[in-house]
Amino acid sequence: MFLATLFATVASVGSVPSTGPLDPRAAAMATAASSLSGRPEVELAASQAPAAPPQGALPVSAPPAASARGEGAEVVAQALDTTVTAEELESLLVIRRAAGEEGRSTLRHLAESKLLERLGAENRIAPDDEELERRTRAFDQDIKRSGSIDGLTGHLRKARLTREEFKHFLALGVVQETLTRRALGLADDKTVTPDQQRIWIEEELQKRDFQALPPPWKEGIAARAADFTIRAPEFLTYLRKRMSADTLREDCYQLLLEKRMRARLPDLAPEKFAAAVQEELQRRRDDAKLDPKTKGLGLDQILAAQGIVVERLKDDPAVRISALSKLWVERSYDAETLKRVYQAERDLFDGLFGPAHEVGFLFLRGAGFKNTFNPRTFDEAERELAALATRARSREEFRELARTVSEDADTKAAAGEIGWVSPLTPKVPREVRDEVTRRLALPEREAQGLTRPLRLPNGVCLLWIGRRRPPPSWESMAAQVKAEMRRRFVEDVLPRSAVVTVFEGS
């Protein structure tokens, strides 16, 4: 049970591929900013260009940058001549992760391990190597039977646990089983369930008045009980080892990006940077108030509920990256320069942000031949959609059909609504964009309504063409040009392919 709890604290790094043609826009960061409207520029860069694979693992002995820990600080990530230390990463974990779900579960597991170590010593429960080896083999066989070819080795690699650490936690699991059995008055050969073990250890922690303390831990203590204390550095090191590798890589990328942005603005006055950060925070607070999804909650309430330390939000690199990119663009592009950029790339900007139509989307899978994964041919899908089209005489009827029969999981929940589609809208199939382009050439009233079935590479769709968005004002387009310049600045400052971490391959 103790090992199961440990592995449960390690976040999954896989994802389920979309089965429909409209893949959702990938969220680049799980941060304070990502839950709000208005993504930081680092998210814009990541969402519009695929991340390159890492070029290799960072050697643990890589030369560290100067930091609060001084020479010899542990380096966990590097990009070109810029590094991130373990201390810097852990400082970010305090802001983003420590009070969140992963942080709380990890702190609880650390507390349980400390308690079991103490109780094991007090009760002289120490399983011998033969017992641990027997359990290790059984664990390996169970994992392989579940379909994992790599067995325990793969499990440990994913959890970033050494075999020695695994055996230590396995021994603690034996302590937990034994003491649970004794508390229930059971014989040594009787089995205790995971629920019984969980209830027992919860009661033991309650007896000791266990208390998890909220960060940022001004006294340096993350949790305490009657007979043990967990100091913040110990917890943060443990949390760093338990977090998913992908999450840690993303956090390191942003820390590196902020450092390299600051290097591009060496003469930036501290007070001007601080003002820009506060302006960015206020913008996000204002956007949260206007977002109907927040239901009247303020930004600080939303973030606090997610476990983010609001009082340290000004130190989050996502916020600081947005502020720095805006300062760079303000410094580099005046009104006339922005107009020249727009004129030089007018087809791109008009194709992305110019006239567009609201589009509804209803999709059925199809292929050249039926098989296990394709229930119908293209011709059959077209005939089904043609029949469904007779039941979609209004936008609401179309929405109801999309909600009930569409086979695109990413849009079905939204009743088929894609939103505004223009000739170059990303993440939308080319066939859909081509149809919108054709409709934009028609008078608006003629353009609206149901389309014929359109064949896509993996099926067939019906579209409902709704309202038309007119060409934007120059003020609105200038804002889009600025956003694109910020995105390009991010990509130029730090390509993801340049980042290596000690977490690669885990």
Protein backbone atom coordinates (compact mmCIF):
# COMPACT_ATOMS: atom_id res chain seq x y z
CA MET A 1 0.00 0.00 0.00
CA PHE A 2 2.85 2.39 0.87
CA LEU A 3 4.50 1.82 -2.52
CA ALA A 4 1.19 2.26 -4.31
CA THR A 5 0.80 5.61 -2.57
CA LEU A 6 4.31 6.58 -3.60
CA PHE A 7 3.75 5.79 -7.26
CA ALA A 8 0.41 7.63 -7.13
CA THR A 9 2.29 10.83 -6.25
CA VAL A 10 4.29 10.63 -9.48
CA ALA A 11 2.36 12.47 -12.20
CA SER A 12 1.66 10.63 -15.44
CA VAL A 13 3.71 11.93 -18.35
CA GLY A 14 1.66 10.34 -21.13
CA SER A 15 -1.34 11.66 -22.98
CA VAL A 16 -4.18 10.11 -24.94
CA PRO A 17 -4.15 11.13 -28.61
CA SER A 18 -7.21 12.79 -30.02
CA THR A 19 -9.42 10.53 -32.13
CA GLY A 20 -10.91 13.39 -34.14
CA PRO A 21 -9.42 15.81 -36.67
CA LEU A 22 -9.38 18.80 -34.32
CA ASP A 23 -6.59 18.35 -31.81
CA PRO A 24 -6.98 20.73 -28.87
CA ARG A 25 -4.47 23.58 -28.63
CA ALA A 26 -1.73 22.20 -26.45
CA ALA A 27 -1.37 24.06 -23.17
CA ALA A 28 2.30 24.79 -22.85
CA MET A 29 2.35 25.35 -19.11
CA ALA A 30 0.41 24.27 -16.06
CA THR A 31 1.05 27.49 -14.22
CA ALA A 32 -0.66 30.38 -12.55
CA ALA A 33 -1.14 32.01 -15.93
CA SER A 34 -2.60 29.03 -17.77
CA SER A 35 -5.88 29.02 -15.87
CA LEU A 36 -6.69 32.57 -16.94
CA SER A 37 -7.54 34.34 -20.14
CA GLY A 38 -4.54 35.91 -21.88
CA ARG A 39 -1.68 33.45 -22.24
CA PRO A 40 1.89 34.59 -21.62
CA GLU A 41 4.11 34.79 -24.67
CA VAL A 42 5.95 31.61 -23.80
CA GLU A 43 2.62 29.79 -24.21
CA LEU A 44 2.07 31.46 -27.58
CA ALA A 45 5.44 30.22 -28.77
CA ALA A 46 4.87 26.69 -27.55
CA SER A 47 1.34 26.40 -28.94
CA GLN A 48 2.26 27.51 -32.45
CA ALA A 49 5.42 25.50 -32.96
CA PRO A 50 6.11 21.88 -32.00
CA ALA A 51 8.76 21.43 -29.35
CA ALA A 52 11.95 19.88 -30.64
CA PRO A 53 13.14 16.74 -28.87
CA PRO A 54 15.83 17.21 -26.23
CA GLN A 55 19.37 16.84 -27.51
CA GLY A 56 20.62 14.91 -24.53
CA ALA A 57 20.77 14.75 -20.80
CA LEU A 58 22.58 17.38 -18.80
CA PRO A 59 25.54 15.84 -16.97
CA VAL A 60 25.21 16.20 -13.24
CA SER A 61 28.73 17.59 -13.15
CA ALA A 62 27.93 20.49 -15.50
CA PRO A 63 29.47 23.77 -14.31
CA PRO A 64 26.93 25.67 -12.22
CA ALA A 65 25.98 29.30 -12.64
CA ALA A 66 26.51 31.75 -9.82
CA SER A 67 23.55 31.52 -7.47
CA ALA A 68 22.49 32.00 -3.89
CA ARG A 69 24.17 28.68 -3.13
CA GLY A 70 27.41 29.85 -4.67
CA GLU A 71 30.00 27.67 -6.34
CA GLY A 72 29.11 23.99 -6.40
CA ALA A 73 25.35 24.52 -6.57
CA GLU A 74 23.48 21.60 -8.10
CA VAL A 75 22.60 22.39 -11.72
CA VAL A 76 19.36 20.83 -12.96
CA ALA A 77 18.97 22.50 -16.38
CA GLN A 78 21.10 24.30 -18.93
CA ALA A 79 20.62 26.18 -22.21
CA LEU A 80 23.73 27.45 -23.94
CA ASP A 81 25.59 29.45 -21.25
CA THR A 82 22.58 29.76 -18.91
CA THR A 83 21.83 27.37 -16.06
CA VAL A 84 19.15 26.71 -13.46
CA THR A 85 20.07 25.38 -10.04
CA ALA A 86 18.08 23.03 -7.84
CA GLU A 87 17.51 25.91 -5.43
CA GLU A 88 16.01 28.10 -8.16
CA LEU A 89 13.74 25.31 -9.33
CA GLU A 90 12.61 24.55 -5.79
CA SER A 91 11.82 28.23 -5.23
CA LEU A 92 9.44 28.01 -8.19
CA LEU A 93 7.94 24.80 -6.81
CA VAL A 94 7.00 26.76 -3.69
CA ILE A 95 4.99 29.19 -5.81
CA ARG A 96 3.35 26.73 -8.19
CA ARG A 97 3.34 23.21 -6.80
CA ALA A 98 3.88 22.90 -3.06
CA ALA A 99 0.32 23.79 -2.01
CA GLY A 100 -1.34 22.11 -4.99
CA GLU A 101 -2.71 18.59 -5.15
CA GLU A 102 0.64 17.03 -6.08
CA GLY A 103 2.45 18.97 -3.37
CA ARG A 104 -0.04 18.02 -0.67
CA SER A 105 0.02 14.33 -1.56
CA THR A 106 3.82 14.33 -1.69
CA LEU A 107 4.10 16.05 1.70
CA ARG A 108 1.68 13.51 3.15
CA HIS A 109 3.73 10.64 1.77
CA LEU A 110 6.92 12.12 3.22
CA ALA A 111 5.22 12.43 6.61
CA GLU A 112 4.05 8.82 6.43
CA SER A 113 7.56 7.64 5.59
CA LYS A 114 9.02 9.54 8.55
CA LEU A 115 6.39 8.10 10.87
CA LEU A 116 6.97 4.55 9.61
CA GLU A 117 10.74 4.90 9.96
CA ARG A 118 10.28 5.97 13.59
CA LEU A 119 7.72 3.27 14.38
CA GLY A 120 9.75 0.59 12.64
CA ALA A 121 12.77 1.45 14.77
CA GLU A 122 10.72 1.64 17.99
CA ASN A 123 9.06 -1.72 17.35
CA ARG A 124 12.21 -3.34 15.93
CA ILE A 125 10.52 -4.25 12.65
CA ALA A 126 13.22 -4.67 10.02
CA PRO A 127 12.46 -7.03 7.12
CA ASP A 128 15.55 -8.94 5.98
CA ASP A 129 16.99 -8.78 2.46
CA GLU A 130 15.50 -12.15 1.54
CA GLU A 131 11.97 -10.93 2.35
CA LEU A 132 12.50 -7.69 0.45
CA GLU A 133 13.89 -9.56 -2.56
CA ARG A 134 10.88 -11.91 -2.57
CA ARG A 135 8.49 -8.98 -2.52
CA THR A 136 10.50 -7.19 -5.20
CA ARG A 137 10.17 -10.18 -7.55
CA ALA A 138 6.44 -10.40 -6.85
CA PHE A 139 6.05 -6.70 -7.57
CA ASP A 140 7.96 -7.10 -10.86
CA GLN A 141 5.76 -10.02 -11.92
CA ASP A 142 2.55 -8.15 -11.08
CA ILE A 143 3.63 -5.18 -13.22
CA LYS A 144 4.54 -7.41 -16.15
CA ARG A 145 1.22 -9.26 -15.91
CA SER A 146 -0.53 -5.90 -16.16
CA GLY A 147 1.05 -5.41 -19.61
CA SER A 148 4.21 -3.44 -18.84
CA ILE A 149 7.08 -5.21 -20.60
CA ASP A 150 9.78 -3.36 -18.64
CA GLY A 151 8.25 -4.46 -15.36
CA LEU A 152 9.61 -2.93 -12.18
CA THR A 153 12.62 -1.43 -13.96
CA GLY A 154 10.40 0.69 -16.16
CA HIS A 155 8.22 1.66 -13.22
CA LEU A 156 11.24 2.87 -11.26
CA ARG A 157 12.63 4.74 -14.24
CA LYS A 158 9.36 6.59 -14.70
CA ALA A 159 9.16 7.38 -10.98
CA ARG A 160 12.86 8.37 -10.94
CA LEU A 161 13.53 5.98 -8.05
CA THR A 162 16.72 4.01 -7.55
CA ARG A 163 16.46 0.36 -6.63
CA GLU A 164 17.85 1.22 -3.18
CA GLU A 165 15.14 3.82 -2.65
CA PHE A 166 12.55 1.31 -3.79
CA LYS A 167 13.73 -1.26 -1.26
CA HIS A 168 13.67 1.37 1.48
CA PHE A 169 10.04 2.20 0.69
CA LEU A 170 9.26 -1.49 0.37
CA ALA A 171 10.62 -2.01 3.88
CA LEU A 172 8.39 0.82 5.13
CA GLY A 173 5.46 -0.93 3.47
CA VAL A 174 6.25 -4.04 5.49
CA VAL A 175 6.31 -1.93 8.66
CA GLN A 176 2.90 -0.49 7.78
CA GLU A 177 1.41 -3.92 7.09
CA THR A 178 2.83 -5.37 10.31
CA LEU A 179 1.65 -2.55 12.57
CA THR A 180 -1.78 -2.46 10.93
CA ARG A 181 -2.11 -6.19 11.52
CA ARG A 182 -1.10 -5.78 15.17
CA ALA A 183 -3.52 -2.87 15.68
CA LEU A 184 -6.36 -5.03 14.37
CA GLY A 185 -5.31 -8.03 16.48
CA LEU A 186 -4.70 -10.23 13.44
CA ALA A 187 -2.32 -13.16 13.17
CA ASP A 188 0.97 -12.66 11.31
CA ASP A 189 -0.24 -14.72 8.34
CA LYS A 190 -3.43 -12.70 7.86
CA THR A 191 -3.75 -10.21 5.01
CA VAL A 192 -4.60 -6.57 5.65
CA THR A 193 -6.29 -4.53 2.95
CA PRO A 194 -5.02 -1.20 1.56
CA ASP A 195 -8.03 0.53 3.16
CA GLN A 196 -7.16 -0.91 6.56
CA GLN A 197 -3.55 0.27 6.19
CA ARG A 198 -4.67 3.73 5.08
CA ILE A 199 -7.08 4.13 8.01
CA TRP A 200 -4.42 2.95 10.47
CA ILE A 201 -1.76 5.41 9.32
CA GLU A 202 -4.25 8.29 9.22
CA GLU A 203 -5.16 7.55 12.83
CA GLU A 204 -1.48 7.42 13.81
CA LEU A 205 -0.85 10.83 12.24
CA GLN A 206 -3.91 12.25 13.97
CA LYS A 207 -2.66 10.96 17.33
CA ARG A 208 0.50 12.96 16.75
CA ASP A 209 -1.39 16.13 15.74
CA PHE A 210 0.15 16.10 12.26
CA GLN A 211 -0.22 19.48 10.57
CA ALA A 212 0.78 20.52 7.05
CA LEU A 213 1.65 24.22 6.97
CA PRO A 214 0.93 26.50 4.01
CA PRO A 215 3.87 27.91 2.02
CA PRO A 216 5.93 30.07 1.87
CA TRP A 217 6.89 28.81 5.37
CA LYS A 218 8.42 31.86 7.00
CA GLU A 219 9.72 29.65 9.82
CA GLY A 220 11.15 27.14 7.34
CA ILE A 221 8.86 24.28 8.45
CA ALA A 222 6.57 22.58 5.93
CA ALA A 223 4.85 20.21 8.39
CA ARG A 224 5.08 19.14 11.99
CA ALA A 225 3.81 16.44 14.33
CA ALA A 226 4.34 15.67 17.99
CA ASP A 227 7.49 13.66 17.39
CA PHE A 228 8.85 14.78 14.01
CA THR A 229 9.24 17.88 11.84
CA ILE A 230 9.54 18.27 8.06
CA ARG A 231 11.62 21.28 7.13
CA ALA A 232 10.94 23.11 3.87
CA PRO A 233 14.25 22.22 2.11
CA GLU A 234 13.73 18.52 2.84
CA PHE A 235 10.17 18.62 1.48
CA LEU A 236 11.14 20.58 -1.65
CA THR A 237 13.91 18.13 -2.49
CA TYR A 238 11.45 15.26 -2.04
CA LEU A 239 8.83 17.07 -4.14
CA ARG A 240 11.33 17.69 -6.94
CA LYS A 241 12.08 13.97 -7.07
CA ARG A 242 8.40 13.05 -7.17
CA MET A 243 7.17 15.59 -9.76
CA SER A 244 6.71 14.43 -13.36
CA ALA A 245 9.74 14.98 -15.57
CA ASP A 246 7.68 16.89 -18.13
CA THR A 247 6.46 19.35 -15.50
CA LEU A 248 9.98 19.93 -14.22
CA ARG A 249 11.35 20.42 -17.72
CA GLU A 250 8.70 23.04 -18.44
CA ASP A 251 9.43 24.87 -15.20
CA CYS A 252 13.16 24.84 -16.00
CA TYR A 253 12.50 26.10 -19.52
CA GLN A 254 10.66 29.12 -18.18
CA LEU A 255 13.34 29.88 -15.59
CA LEU A 256 16.00 29.73 -18.30
CA LEU A 257 13.88 31.82 -20.65
CA GLU A 258 13.43 34.59 -18.09
CA LYS A 259 17.17 34.71 -17.42
CA ARG A 260 18.00 34.98 -21.12
CA MET A 261 15.34 37.64 -21.65
CA ARG A 262 16.83 39.69 -18.82
CA ALA A 263 20.22 39.38 -20.53
CA ARG A 264 18.70 40.90 -23.69
CA LEU A 265 17.65 43.94 -21.64
CA PRO A 266 20.78 44.64 -19.57
CA ASP A 267 19.94 48.32 -19.05
CA LEU A 268 16.37 47.69 -17.85
CA ALA A 269 15.83 49.64 -14.65
CA PRO A 270 14.61 47.45 -11.75
CA GLU A 271 11.75 49.83 -10.98
CA LYS A 272 10.56 49.76 -14.59
CA PHE A 273 10.60 45.97 -14.62
CA ALA A 274 8.73 45.82 -11.31
CA ALA A 275 6.09 48.21 -12.70
CA ALA A 276 5.71 46.07 -15.85
CA VAL A 277 5.21 42.95 -13.72
CA GLN A 278 2.52 44.70 -11.66
CA GLU A 279 0.84 45.89 -14.86
CA GLU A 280 0.80 42.33 -16.18
CA LEU A 281 -0.70 41.04 -12.94
CA GLN A 282 -3.37 43.74 -13.04
CA ARG A 283 -4.21 42.85 -16.65
CA ARG A 284 -4.75 39.26 -15.61
CA ARG A 285 -6.89 40.31 -12.68
CA ASP A 286 -9.01 42.48 -14.97
CA ASP A 287 -9.37 39.66 -17.52
CA ALA A 288 -10.47 37.27 -14.78
CA LYS A 289 -13.24 39.65 -13.74
CA LEU A 290 -14.55 39.81 -17.30
CA ASP A 291 -14.36 36.06 -17.94
CA PRO A 292 -17.81 34.47 -17.48
CA LYS A 293 -16.13 31.17 -16.60
CA THR A 294 -14.79 32.61 -13.34
CA LYS A 295 -18.36 33.26 -12.10
CA GLY A 296 -17.40 36.43 -10.28
CA LEU A 297 -14.38 35.04 -8.49
CA GLY A 298 -11.26 37.18 -8.42
CA LEU A 299 -7.94 36.08 -9.82
CA ASP A 300 -6.36 35.68 -6.39
CA GLN A 301 -9.20 33.41 -5.24
CA ILE A 302 -8.91 31.24 -8.34
CA LEU A 303 -5.16 30.82 -8.02
CA ALA A 304 -5.24 30.23 -4.27
CA ALA A 305 -7.79 27.44 -4.86
CA GLN A 306 -5.28 25.85 -7.26
CA GLY A 307 -2.59 25.89 -4.58
CA ILE A 308 -0.60 28.80 -6.01
CA VAL A 309 1.08 31.15 -3.53
CA VAL A 310 -0.53 34.41 -4.59
CA GLU A 311 1.78 36.62 -2.55
CA ARG A 312 4.71 35.28 -4.62
CA LEU A 313 2.98 35.50 -7.99
CA LYS A 314 5.14 38.46 -9.04
CA ASP A 315 8.12 36.06 -8.91
CA ASP A 316 6.54 33.47 -11.22
CA PRO A 317 8.52 33.38 -14.49
CA ALA A 318 5.34 33.10 -16.58
CA VAL A 319 4.28 36.55 -15.39
CA ARG A 320 7.77 37.98 -15.70
CA ILE A 321 8.24 36.55 -19.21
CA SER A 322 5.07 38.29 -20.36
CA ALA A 323 6.22 41.57 -18.84
CA LEU A 324 9.70 41.30 -20.38
CA SER A 325 8.41 40.44 -23.85
CA LYS A 326 6.10 43.46 -23.78
CA LEU A 327 8.95 45.73 -22.70
CA TRP A 328 11.09 44.38 -25.53
CA VAL A 329 8.40 45.03 -28.14
CA GLU A 330 7.70 48.52 -26.80
CA ARG A 331 11.41 49.28 -27.05
CA SER A 332 11.90 47.72 -30.49
CA TYR A 333 8.72 48.59 -32.42
CA ASP A 334 7.15 52.03 -32.66
CA ALA A 335 3.87 52.65 -34.52
CA GLU A 336 5.51 53.05 -37.92
CA THR A 337 7.67 49.94 -37.50
CA LEU A 338 4.61 47.88 -36.59
CA LYS A 339 2.84 49.06 -39.74
CA ARG A 340 5.86 48.10 -41.85
CA VAL A 341 5.88 44.61 -40.30
CA TYR A 342 2.17 44.26 -41.02
CA GLN A 343 2.51 45.40 -44.64
CA ALA A 344 5.45 43.06 -45.24
CA GLU A 345 3.46 40.06 -43.94
CA ARG A 346 -0.08 41.16 -44.62
CA ASP A 347 -1.23 37.80 -45.99
CA LEU A 348 -0.15 36.11 -42.75
CA PHE A 349 -1.79 38.61 -40.39
CA ASP A 350 -4.99 38.95 -42.41
CA GLY A 351 -5.17 35.17 -42.76
CA LEU A 352 -4.91 34.72 -39.01
CA PHE A 353 -6.74 37.74 -37.60
CA GLY A 354 -8.75 39.20 -40.45
CA PRO A 355 -12.27 38.34 -41.67
CA ALA A 356 -13.57 35.03 -40.30
CA HIS A 357 -16.74 33.03 -39.78
CA GLU A 358 -18.12 31.34 -36.69
CA VAL A 359 -18.10 27.64 -37.50
CA GLY A 360 -20.00 24.66 -36.14
CA PHE A 361 -18.52 21.21 -36.74
CA LEU A 362 -20.11 17.73 -36.89
CA PHE A 363 -17.77 14.83 -37.64
CA LEU A 364 -18.12 11.13 -38.46
CA ARG A 365 -15.13 8.82 -38.78
CA GLY A 366 -14.58 7.17 -42.14
CA ALA A 367 -11.90 5.50 -44.24
CA GLY A 368 -11.32 3.86 -47.59
CA PHE A 369 -12.17 0.49 -46.05
CA LYS A 370 -13.90 -0.62 -42.87
CA ASN A 371 -11.81 -2.10 -40.09
CA THR A 372 -11.69 -2.33 -36.30
CA PHE A 373 -10.96 1.37 -35.97
CA ASN A 374 -13.13 2.70 -38.81
CA PRO A 375 -16.80 1.72 -38.59
CA ARG A 376 -17.71 3.05 -42.05
CA THR A 377 -16.32 4.00 -45.44
CA PHE A 378 -16.07 7.59 -46.64
CA ASP A 379 -19.09 7.05 -48.90
CA GLU A 380 -21.14 5.68 -46.02
CA ALA A 381 -20.15 8.61 -43.80
CA GLU A 382 -21.16 11.07 -46.51
CA ARG A 383 -24.56 9.40 -46.88
CA GLU A 384 -25.13 9.45 -43.11
CA LEU A 385 -24.25 13.13 -42.92
CA ALA A 386 -26.45 13.98 -45.90
CA ALA A 387 -29.36 12.35 -44.05
CA LEU A 388 -28.50 14.19 -40.84
CA ALA A 389 -28.36 17.47 -42.75
CA THR A 390 -32.12 17.28 -43.32
CA ARG A 391 -32.56 17.48 -39.53
CA ALA A 392 -30.34 20.56 -39.14
CA ARG A 393 -32.58 23.36 -40.38
CA SER A 394 -31.33 25.83 -37.77
CA ARG A 395 -28.18 26.53 -35.80
CA GLU A 396 -29.74 25.11 -32.64
CA GLU A 397 -30.77 21.89 -34.39
CA PHE A 398 -27.21 21.58 -35.73
CA ARG A 399 -25.77 22.12 -32.25
CA GLU A 400 -28.01 19.40 -30.82
CA LEU A 401 -26.95 16.95 -33.54
CA ALA A 402 -23.28 17.73 -32.95
CA ARG A 403 -23.75 17.23 -29.21
CA THR A 404 -25.36 13.82 -29.69
CA VAL A 405 -23.80 12.18 -32.77
CA SER A 406 -20.48 13.88 -33.56
CA GLU A 407 -17.45 11.61 -33.19
CA ASP A 408 -14.93 14.38 -32.58
CA ALA A 409 -14.41 14.30 -28.82
CA ASP A 410 -12.67 17.68 -28.72
CA THR A 411 -15.68 19.61 -30.04
CA LYS A 412 -18.63 17.39 -29.14
CA ALA A 413 -18.81 18.72 -25.58
CA ALA A 414 -19.08 22.25 -27.01
CA ALA A 415 -21.98 21.23 -29.28
CA GLY A 416 -19.62 21.31 -32.25
CA GLU A 417 -18.59 24.93 -31.80
CA ILE A 418 -15.09 25.65 -33.13
CA GLY A 419 -15.28 29.43 -32.81
CA TRP A 420 -13.96 31.93 -35.32
CA VAL A 421 -12.21 30.31 -38.30
CA SER A 422 -10.17 32.32 -40.78
CA PRO A 423 -8.11 31.15 -43.79
CA LEU A 424 -5.03 30.47 -41.61
CA THR A 425 -6.52 29.50 -38.26
CA PRO A 426 -4.14 26.91 -36.74
CA LYS A 427 -5.26 23.46 -35.57
CA VAL A 428 -8.19 23.43 -38.02
CA PRO A 429 -8.20 21.01 -40.98
CA ARG A 430 -7.21 22.56 -44.29
CA GLU A 431 -10.50 21.45 -45.89
CA VAL A 432 -12.46 23.41 -43.27
CA ARG A 433 -10.30 26.52 -43.75
CA ASP A 434 -10.68 26.25 -47.53
CA GLU A 435 -14.48 26.15 -47.20
CA VAL A 436 -14.41 29.23 -44.95
CA THR A 437 -12.17 31.01 -47.46
CA ARG A 438 -14.66 30.24 -50.22
CA ARG A 439 -17.58 31.52 -48.11
CA LEU A 440 -15.72 34.75 -47.29
CA ALA A 441 -15.82 35.59 -51.01
CA LEU A 442 -19.65 35.46 -50.95
CA PRO A 443 -22.05 38.05 -49.52
CA GLU A 444 -22.49 37.31 -45.82
CA ARG A 445 -26.11 36.12 -46.03
CA GLU A 446 -25.29 33.72 -48.87
CA ALA A 447 -22.28 32.42 -46.94
CA GLN A 448 -24.21 31.45 -43.82
CA GLY A 449 -25.85 28.08 -43.23
CA LEU A 450 -25.13 24.39 -43.67
CA THR A 451 -22.43 23.12 -46.01
CA ARG A 452 -22.33 19.93 -48.01
CA PRO A 453 -20.44 17.00 -46.42
CA LEU A 454 -16.69 17.64 -46.58
CA ARG A 455 -14.25 14.76 -46.76
CA LEU A 456 -11.28 14.91 -44.36
CA PRO A 457 -8.29 12.53 -44.15
CA ASN A 458 -9.94 10.52 -41.34
CA GLY A 459 -13.64 11.07 -41.91
CA VAL A 460 -16.34 13.43 -43.15
CA CYS A 461 -17.78 16.56 -41.60
CA LEU A 462 -20.70 18.95 -41.86
CA LEU A 463 -20.13 22.63 -41.15
CA TRP A 464 -22.53 25.31 -40.04
CA ILE A 465 -21.25 28.70 -41.18
CA GLY A 466 -22.40 31.42 -38.82
CA ARG A 467 -21.72 35.13 -38.35
CA ARG A 468 -18.90 36.87 -40.18
CA ARG A 469 -16.21 38.78 -38.36
CA PRO A 470 -15.34 41.96 -40.27
CA PRO A 471 -11.77 43.17 -40.86
CA PRO A 472 -10.35 44.50 -37.58
CA SER A 473 -9.44 48.10 -36.91
CA TRP A 474 -5.78 48.98 -37.13
CA GLU A 475 -5.69 49.30 -33.34
CA SER A 476 -6.88 45.71 -32.98
CA MET A 477 -4.55 44.40 -35.71
CA ALA A 478 -1.61 46.28 -34.19
CA ALA A 479 -2.20 44.40 -30.94
CA GLN A 480 -2.02 41.11 -32.87
CA VAL A 481 1.20 42.19 -34.61
CA LYS A 482 2.69 43.02 -31.22
CA ALA A 483 1.67 39.61 -29.88
CA GLU A 484 3.35 37.93 -32.85
CA MET A 485 6.52 39.96 -32.28
CA ARG A 486 6.52 38.86 -28.63
CA ARG A 487 6.11 35.25 -29.70
CA ARG A 488 9.02 35.52 -32.12
CA PHE A 489 11.13 37.18 -29.46
CA VAL A 490 10.55 34.19 -27.17
CA GLU A 491 11.52 31.72 -29.88
CA ASP A 492 14.63 33.71 -30.73
CA VAL A 493 15.74 34.06 -27.11
CA LEU A 494 15.48 30.36 -26.28
CA PRO A 495 14.58 27.53 -28.67
CA ARG A 496 13.31 24.56 -26.72
CA SER A 497 15.80 22.32 -28.50
CA ALA A 498 18.61 24.15 -26.68
CA VAL A 499 17.37 23.10 -23.23
CA VAL A 500 18.71 20.01 -21.49
CA THR A 501 17.91 18.87 -17.95
CA VAL A 502 18.89 16.17 -15.51
CA PHE A 503 15.36 14.79 -15.99
CA GLU A 504 15.86 13.75 -19.64
CA GLY A 505 14.89 10.18 -20.39
CA SER A 506 12.97 9.78 -17.14
